């Protein structure tokens, strides 16, 4: 990937155009971090880039950005540009300019440097190298102005501070906190993308605490903020209110946890505010998982998450309490859980739920996990092909298609899993008895 990017720069330079690696690739190179993506900045106009490279796509021509497909990789090649007349989301005017002015319109000093891969020279017009050494995240220029240009930089600030394990420059911190309410002006899609990047990083625990401290969580996930100061039963939850518990659970997830699992974890108790009950000094949240499903679905649609992601998060929330009932379930019902593709993440969520609790009691969770592993080791899987399918049940028992046939099909499947029937004859006899009952 890097060699292809270097080749693009070399071709641009050979044709008389200034050209460099830009932004995150330079930052990560200087930090010795893995470079996963390379953006290229150049003095060549979009039309000139398209003439030099046979395989291109106009990714954002109005912003001077062309996607260059080179070998097996694609790279954003952007003309040096300046921007003005912002509305808090995007610039009203874009004009082509110099590398130095291009650097000035970027967000943070550590993201505002250029590197010439031919010779390795660093162009730093904004003091990015100094801030890398100090491990400081600083807005370029006047922090308040950088935020007002694009309010999404509020979330980006939290992301980069935690991704890099840096500290905030004080004006940067103040600007982020002061303007957190402005995120209401940003589309759900853009917030989703930044929130996903925050939650997929291993420092997500500290990041969500920043989101809470700066008032950002209240803006982007107001339903979660309703858990703040919501009481919990002291015998089970001495760690504090429901919000404290949810943030602690997210922080306890394994480093490799996906953003989907992290989001399900932060939302797992979102239904508690709606279902809170206190009678005779006893606190409870009857049906909070079911209520949480409805609230989570609303949140995920607002943030424009795709259907597959919504389905998984909702399933995890719906079953995070059922998990602890598994030891009391019939084998067929246990089997449904144990072979479900999302069950491993349900195990991780419940473990995080417990770790976010004081005192933490893993006895029941470990019991379920042990039973799950035994189940998988014994390969207690359903028959590859049912003894009788729906049409055969309908024909053998003279049952018309409809809810009754669907129920008989499920009953037979459960009976096969539990070893109650082992042949077609036994299956028919079993279903005849079910019909009589």
Foldseek 3Di string as FASTA:
>chain_A
DVVQVLVLCVLCVVVPKHKWWFFPQVLCVVVVHDDDATEMEIQDALVRSCVSAVDWDCPDNQQRWIWGDTPPDIYTYGYQWAFDCAQQAAGPHIDGDDLLRSLQLDFWQSRRKTFNPVVTDIRRNFCNVVCSVQLETETGDQLLVNCSRHVLVLLVSLLVCQLSVGYYDVRNLCNSLVCLLVCLVPALQSVVVSLQSLLQALSNLVSVVSCVVSVNCCRLPVLLVLQVQADDPCVKFVQGTPSLLLSQLLNPFDRRDGSLLSVLSSLLQSQQSVQWDADPNDTDRPPSLVSSLVSLLVSCVRSPDDPVSNVLSNVLSNCLPVLLVLVVDDPLVVVVLLPDPSNVSSLRSNVSSQSSGPPRDCVSSVVSVVVSVVCVVVVLDFDPDQQDDLVRLCVLVVDDDDPVSVVLRVVSRSCRSVVVDDHNVSSSVVSVVVVVD
